[in-house]
C-alpha atoms as a PDB file:
ATOM      1  CA  MET A   1     102.554 196.422 122.791  1.00  0.00           C
ATOM      2  CA  PHE A   2      99.196 197.567 120.908  1.00  0.00           C
ATOM      3  CA  SER A   3      96.024 198.633 123.095  1.00  0.00           C
ATOM      4  CA  ASN A   4      92.784 197.803 121.886  1.00  0.00           C
ATOM      5  CA  ARG A   5      91.543 200.659 123.484  1.00  0.00           C
ATOM      6  CA  GLY A   6      91.762 204.214 122.513  1.00  0.00           C
ATOM      7  CA  VAL A   7      90.644 206.918 119.910  1.00  0.00           C
ATOM      8  CA  TRP A   8      92.090 204.639 116.973  1.00  0.00           C
ATOM      9  CA  PRO A   9      90.177 201.523 117.411  1.00  0.00           C
ATOM     10  CA  ALA A  10      87.015 203.249 118.613  1.00  0.00           C
ATOM     11  CA  TRP A  11      86.524 205.670 115.403  1.00  0.00           C
ATOM     12  CA  LEU A  12      87.394 202.298 113.061  1.00  0.00           C
ATOM     13  CA  TRP A  13      84.647 200.591 115.038  1.00  0.00           C
ATOM     14  CA  MET A  14      82.344 203.520 114.583  1.00  0.00           C
ATOM     15  CA  PHE A  15      82.989 203.884 110.975  1.00  0.00           C
ATOM     16  CA  ILE A  16      82.729 200.330 109.891  1.00  0.00           C
ATOM     17  CA  LEU A  17      79.718 199.889 112.165  1.00  0.00           C
ATOM     18  CA  ALA A  18      77.699 203.049 110.958  1.00  0.00           C
ATOM     19  CA  LEU A  19      78.504 201.710 107.567  1.00  0.00           C
ATOM     20  CA  LEU A  20      77.079 198.209 108.393  1.00  0.00           C
ATOM     21  CA  LEU A  21      73.949 199.759 110.370  1.00  0.00           C
ATOM     22  CA  GLY A  22      73.126 202.710 108.304  1.00  0.00           C
ATOM     23  CA  TRP A  23      69.784 201.338 107.054  1.00  0.00           C
ATOM     24  CA  LEU A  24      68.611 201.659 110.886  1.00  0.00           C
ATOM     25  CA  PRO A  25      67.797 205.429 111.024  1.00  0.00           C
ATOM     26  CA  PHE A  26      68.421 206.138 114.410  1.00  0.00           C
ATOM     27  CA  ILE A  27      69.306 202.908 116.187  1.00  0.00           C
ATOM     28  CA  GLY A  28      72.161 202.068 113.677  1.00  0.00           C
ATOM     29  CA  PRO A  29      74.487 205.210 114.444  1.00  0.00           C
ATOM     30  CA  ALA A  30      73.737 204.735 118.105  1.00  0.00           C
ATOM     31  CA  ILE A  31      74.772 201.162 118.416  1.00  0.00           C
ATOM     32  CA  ALA A  32      77.762 202.206 116.653  1.00  0.00           C
ATOM     33  CA  GLY A  33      78.616 204.855 118.769  1.00  0.00           C
ATOM     34  CA  PHE A  34      77.902 202.949 121.826  1.00  0.00           C
ATOM     35  CA  VAL A  35      80.215 200.050 120.473  1.00  0.00           C
ATOM     36  CA  GLY A  36      83.038 202.703 119.768  1.00  0.00           C
ATOM     37  CA  GLY A  37      82.316 204.437 123.013  1.00  0.00           C
ATOM     38  CA  LEU A  38      83.207 201.136 124.832  1.00  0.00           C
ATOM     39  CA  GLN A  39      86.450 200.565 122.642  1.00  0.00           C
ATOM     40  CA  ALA A  40      87.666 204.501 123.602  1.00  0.00           C
ATOM     41  CA  GLY A  41      87.353 203.985 127.273  1.00  0.00           C
ATOM     42  CA  ASP A  42      86.286 207.444 128.391  1.00  0.00           C
ATOM     43  CA  VAL A  43      83.608 210.062 127.155  1.00  0.00           C
ATOM     44  CA  GLY A  44      86.430 212.349 125.719  1.00  0.00           C
ATOM     45  CA  SER A  45      87.940 209.914 123.373  1.00  0.00           C
ATOM     46  CA  ALA A  46      84.617 208.430 122.580  1.00  0.00           C
ATOM     47  CA  LEU A  47      83.668 211.926 121.222  1.00  0.00           C
ATOM     48  CA  VAL A  48      86.796 212.901 119.454  1.00  0.00           C
ATOM     49  CA  ALA A  49      86.455 209.252 117.909  1.00  0.00           C
ATOM     50  CA  ALA A  50      82.871 210.053 116.793  1.00  0.00           C
ATOM     51  CA  ILE A  51      83.912 213.269 114.792  1.00  0.00           C
ATOM     52  CA  ILE A  52      86.902 211.678 112.951  1.00  0.00           C
ATOM     53  CA  PRO A  53      85.138 210.083 110.290  1.00  0.00           C
ATOM     54  CA  SER A  54      83.236 213.223 109.356  1.00  0.00           C
ATOM     55  CA  LEU A  55      86.404 215.333 109.274  1.00  0.00           C
ATOM     56  CA  ILE A  56      87.938 212.534 107.083  1.00  0.00           C
ATOM     57  CA  VAL A  57      85.130 212.705 104.740  1.00  0.00           C
ATOM     58  CA  ALA A  58      84.913 216.787 104.468  1.00  0.00           C
ATOM     59  CA  ALA A  59      88.601 216.560 104.141  1.00  0.00           C
ATOM     60  CA  VAL A  60      88.301 214.331 101.165  1.00  0.00           C
ATOM     61  CA  ILE A  61      85.332 216.384  99.843  1.00  0.00           C
ATOM     62  CA  PHE A  62      87.661 219.504 100.070  1.00  0.00           C
ATOM     63  CA  ALA A  63      90.689 218.048  98.677  1.00  0.00           C
ATOM     64  CA  LEU A  64      88.823 216.602  95.419  1.00  0.00           C
ATOM     65  CA  GLY A  65      87.153 220.056  95.090  1.00  0.00           C
ATOM     66  CA  THR A  66      90.203 221.785  95.330  1.00  0.00           C
ATOM     67  CA  LEU A  67      91.875 219.361  92.733  1.00  0.00           C
ATOM     68  CA  ILE A  68      88.877 219.304  90.468  1.00  0.00           C
ATOM     69  CA  GLY A  69      87.087 222.608  90.983  1.00  0.00           C
ATOM     70  CA  VAL A  70      87.545 226.298  92.396  1.00  0.00           C
ATOM     71  CA  PRO A  71      89.374 226.298  95.883  1.00  0.00           C
ATOM     72  CA  ILE A  72      86.875 229.009  97.414  1.00  0.00           C
ATOM     73  CA  ILE A  73      83.997 226.938  96.469  1.00  0.00           C
ATOM     74  CA  ALA A  74      85.553 223.685  97.662  1.00  0.00           C
ATOM     75  CA  ALA A  75      86.048 225.165 101.031  1.00  0.00           C
ATOM     76  CA  LEU A  76      82.408 226.214 101.188  1.00  0.00           C
ATOM     77  CA  VAL A  77      81.308 222.860 100.165  1.00  0.00           C
ATOM     78  CA  GLY A  78      83.633 220.828 102.482  1.00  0.00           C
ATOM     79  CA  THR A  79      82.607 223.272 105.590  1.00  0.00           C
ATOM     80  CA  GLY A  80      78.916 222.756 104.672  1.00  0.00           C
ATOM     81  CA  ILE A  81      79.175 219.138 104.198  1.00  0.00           C
ATOM     82  CA  PHE A  82      81.207 218.874 107.618  1.00  0.00           C
ATOM     83  CA  MET A  83      78.492 220.655 109.425  1.00  0.00           C
ATOM     84  CA  VAL A  84      75.784 218.405 107.758  1.00  0.00           C
ATOM     85  CA  LEU A  85      77.893 215.401 108.732  1.00  0.00           C
ATOM     86  CA  VAL A  86      78.254 216.495 112.472  1.00  0.00           C
ATOM     87  CA  LEU A  87      74.467 217.215 112.842  1.00  0.00           C
ATOM     88  CA  GLY A  88      73.600 213.764 111.060  1.00  0.00           C
ATOM     89  CA  THR A  89      76.127 211.944 113.388  1.00  0.00           C
ATOM     90  CA  LEU A  90      74.168 213.282 116.724  1.00  0.00           C
ATOM     91  CA  PRO A  91      72.890 209.524 117.310  1.00  0.00           C
ATOM     92  CA  LEU A  92      76.588 208.379 116.802  1.00  0.00           C
ATOM     93  CA  LEU A  93      77.535 210.868 119.395  1.00  0.00           C
ATOM     94  CA  LEU A  94      74.799 210.531 121.845  1.00  0.00           C
ATOM     95  CA  GLY A  95      75.712 206.444 121.565  1.00  0.00           C
ATOM     96  CA  ALA A  96      79.413 207.391 122.148  1.00  0.00           C
ATOM     97  CA  SER A  97      79.070 209.275 125.296  1.00  0.00           C
ATOM     98  CA  ILE A  98      76.803 206.596 126.605  1.00  0.00           C
ATOM     99  CA  GLY A  99      79.433 203.926 125.912  1.00  0.00           C
ATOM    100  CA  GLY A 100      82.145 206.059 126.939  1.00  0.00           C
END
């Protein structure tokens, strides 16, 4: 009925392992990406799963900024944080492409 492969379990594994192994500068996210890539099954799904946590964090910051602050500033901050998260997840993307 439910498959243990695909984008959903892959990004969940990546998110949890990246939180747990975040104290390892490059190796931790690379391991999380590799494990998530194995869960994803193929490279395309693994790369999509690696980007999803960054999208979620940026969307939450955008929503909080919109509710609390000025919407234009929230949009700029959300976009900026998304770019920082994407660049910061390069080891995660590398591990995901190897694992996928």
